[in-house]
Structures are given as structure tokens and as C-alpha cells.
Amino acid sequence: MILSELKLGQEGRIEAFSEKCPVKIKRRLLDLGFITGTKVRLVRKSILSKVVLLELRGYVLSLQKKIANYVILGGKNG
């Protein structure tokens, strides 16, 4: 499953990054705490679903959907 496909309140664990993910974006996501095994939960989507609000590692951040498409999740519940 891809991070941008989560529904409100669902969560999953980060498994990997897409092979198409540019190195600069991957490095920035790692800096923000998007590390393998980290639990992430979808808090909210923008009206046009171009931005997602995520909770991980005790904080909430917004991420563009096109960047969230690079994050691959495993295990979900909701």
C-alpha cells in the first residue's frame, strides 16, 4: 500500500521508498523521521486531496500527495 492511499484514521508502518523516489526527497523524508518500521497515521486530507496531514513519531506534519506516493507501507488497521 502507498501512504497516499490511507483513509482517515488508518495507520501503517513504513516499509520502503519507491524506486522512482528522487534522492533529495528520500533524504528529506528520512530527516523528517520516515524510517523503516515507523508507524504513521493519516489525520486529515485537504479538500482537493493534494495535501495529507500525517502523525508519526509524536508529531503531525503535512505532506504533498505526490511526495506521499513515494512511501510504501505495510500492515494497516483502522
C-alpha atoms as a PDB file:
ATOM      1  CA  MET A   1       0.000   0.000   0.000  1.00  0.00           C
ATOM      2  CA  ILE A   2       1.120   3.548  -0.687  1.00  0.00           C
ATOM      3  CA  LEU A   3       0.989   6.237   2.011  1.00  0.00           C
ATOM      4  CA  SER A   4      -1.313   8.480  -0.027  1.00  0.00           C
ATOM      5  CA  GLU A   5      -3.904   5.642  -0.209  1.00  0.00           C
ATOM      6  CA  LEU A   6      -4.577   5.607   3.552  1.00  0.00           C
ATOM      7  CA  LYS A   7      -8.071   6.536   4.641  1.00  0.00           C
ATOM      8  CA  LEU A   8      -8.841   8.847   7.565  1.00  0.00           C
ATOM      9  CA  GLY A   9      -7.686   7.298  10.843  1.00  0.00           C
ATOM     10  CA  GLN A  10      -5.879   4.376   9.187  1.00  0.00           C
ATOM     11  CA  GLU A  11      -2.290   3.666  10.020  1.00  0.00           C
ATOM     12  CA  GLY A  12       0.530   1.583   8.664  1.00  0.00           C
ATOM     13  CA  ARG A  13       4.242   1.010   9.070  1.00  0.00           C
ATOM     14  CA  ILE A  14       6.793   2.368   6.648  1.00  0.00           C
ATOM     15  CA  GLU A  15       8.402  -0.448   4.658  1.00  0.00           C
ATOM     16  CA  ALA A  16      10.343   1.257   1.878  1.00  0.00           C
ATOM     17  CA  PHE A  17      10.524   4.063  -0.639  1.00  0.00           C
ATOM     18  CA  SER A  18       9.562   3.741  -4.285  1.00  0.00           C
ATOM     19  CA  GLU A  19      12.448   3.146  -6.670  1.00  0.00           C
ATOM     20  CA  LYS A  20      11.299   6.286  -8.510  1.00  0.00           C
ATOM     21  CA  CYS A  21      11.827   8.460  -5.406  1.00  0.00           C
ATOM     22  CA  PRO A  22      14.458  11.142  -6.104  1.00  0.00           C
ATOM     23  CA  VAL A  23      17.457  11.025  -3.766  1.00  0.00           C
ATOM     24  CA  LYS A  24      16.818  14.565  -2.434  1.00  0.00           C
ATOM     25  CA  ILE A  25      13.231  13.717  -1.474  1.00  0.00           C
ATOM     26  CA  LYS A  26      14.229  10.406   0.102  1.00  0.00           C
ATOM     27  CA  ARG A  27      16.911  12.140   2.173  1.00  0.00           C
ATOM     28  CA  ARG A  28      14.438  14.794   3.340  1.00  0.00           C
ATOM     29  CA  LEU A  29      11.815  12.178   4.280  1.00  0.00           C
ATOM     30  CA  LEU A  30      14.438  10.291   6.290  1.00  0.00           C
ATOM     31  CA  ASP A  31      15.341  13.555   8.065  1.00  0.00           C
ATOM     32  CA  LEU A  32      11.657  14.018   8.942  1.00  0.00           C
ATOM     33  CA  GLY A  33      11.503  10.565  10.558  1.00  0.00           C
ATOM     34  CA  PHE A  34      10.167   8.411   7.723  1.00  0.00           C
ATOM     35  CA  ILE A  35      12.303   5.441   8.744  1.00  0.00           C
ATOM     36  CA  THR A  36      11.526   1.770   8.067  1.00  0.00           C
ATOM     37  CA  GLY A  37       9.235   0.392  10.772  1.00  0.00           C
ATOM     38  CA  THR A  38       7.859   3.780  11.845  1.00  0.00           C
ATOM     39  CA  LYS A  39       4.099   3.855  12.420  1.00  0.00           C
ATOM     40  CA  VAL A  40       2.273   6.593  10.512  1.00  0.00           C
ATOM     41  CA  ARG A  41      -1.411   7.600  10.730  1.00  0.00           C
ATOM     42  CA  LEU A  42      -3.489   9.739   8.385  1.00  0.00           C
ATOM     43  CA  VAL A  43      -5.069  12.595  10.331  1.00  0.00           C
ATOM     44  CA  ARG A  44      -6.662  14.612   7.519  1.00  0.00           C
ATOM     45  CA  LYS A  45      -6.692  15.262   3.780  1.00  0.00           C
ATOM     46  CA  SER A  46      -7.106  18.642   2.130  1.00  0.00           C
ATOM     47  CA  ILE A  47     -10.317  19.401   0.246  1.00  0.00           C
ATOM     48  CA  LEU A  48      -8.799  18.515  -3.116  1.00  0.00           C
ATOM     49  CA  SER A  49      -6.656  15.755  -1.538  1.00  0.00           C
ATOM     50  CA  LYS A  50      -3.428  17.365  -2.725  1.00  0.00           C
ATOM     51  CA  VAL A  51      -2.029  17.532   0.821  1.00  0.00           C
ATOM     52  CA  VAL A  52      -2.201  14.955   3.611  1.00  0.00           C
ATOM     53  CA  LEU A  53      -1.773  15.567   7.345  1.00  0.00           C
ATOM     54  CA  LEU A  54       0.138  12.743   8.998  1.00  0.00           C
ATOM     55  CA  GLU A  55       1.051  11.780  12.539  1.00  0.00           C
ATOM     56  CA  LEU A  56       4.327   9.970  13.162  1.00  0.00           C
ATOM     57  CA  ARG A  57       6.938   9.840  15.912  1.00  0.00           C
ATOM     58  CA  GLY A  58       4.824  12.066  18.179  1.00  0.00           C
ATOM     59  CA  TYR A  59       4.288  14.980  15.806  1.00  0.00           C
ATOM     60  CA  VAL A  60       1.964  15.963  12.970  1.00  0.00           C
ATOM     61  CA  LEU A  61       3.147  17.196   9.590  1.00  0.00           C
ATOM     62  CA  SER A  62       1.692  17.954   6.188  1.00  0.00           C
ATOM     63  CA  LEU A  63       2.995  16.360   3.045  1.00  0.00           C
ATOM     64  CA  GLN A  64       2.089  16.821  -0.606  1.00  0.00           C
ATOM     65  CA  LYS A  65       0.273  13.811  -2.025  1.00  0.00           C
ATOM     66  CA  LYS A  66       2.789  13.495  -4.866  1.00  0.00           C
ATOM     67  CA  ILE A  67       5.550  13.024  -2.273  1.00  0.00           C
ATOM     68  CA  ALA A  68       3.432  10.658  -0.157  1.00  0.00           C
ATOM     69  CA  ASN A  69       3.186   8.457  -3.271  1.00  0.00           C
ATOM     70  CA  TYR A  70       6.870   7.556  -2.810  1.00  0.00           C
ATOM     71  CA  VAL A  71       6.331   5.961   0.634  1.00  0.00           C
ATOM     72  CA  ILE A  72       5.375   2.278   0.698  1.00  0.00           C
ATOM     73  CA  LEU A  73       3.555   0.944   3.761  1.00  0.00           C
ATOM     74  CA  GLY A  74       2.987  -2.487   5.202  1.00  0.00           C
ATOM     75  CA  GLY A  75       0.347  -3.558   7.734  1.00  0.00           C
ATOM     76  CA  LYS A  76      -2.638  -1.283   8.166  1.00  0.00           C
ATOM     77  CA  ASN A  77      -5.538  -1.070  10.550  1.00  0.00           C
ATOM     78  CA  GLY A  78      -8.157   1.427  11.097  1.00  0.00           C
END
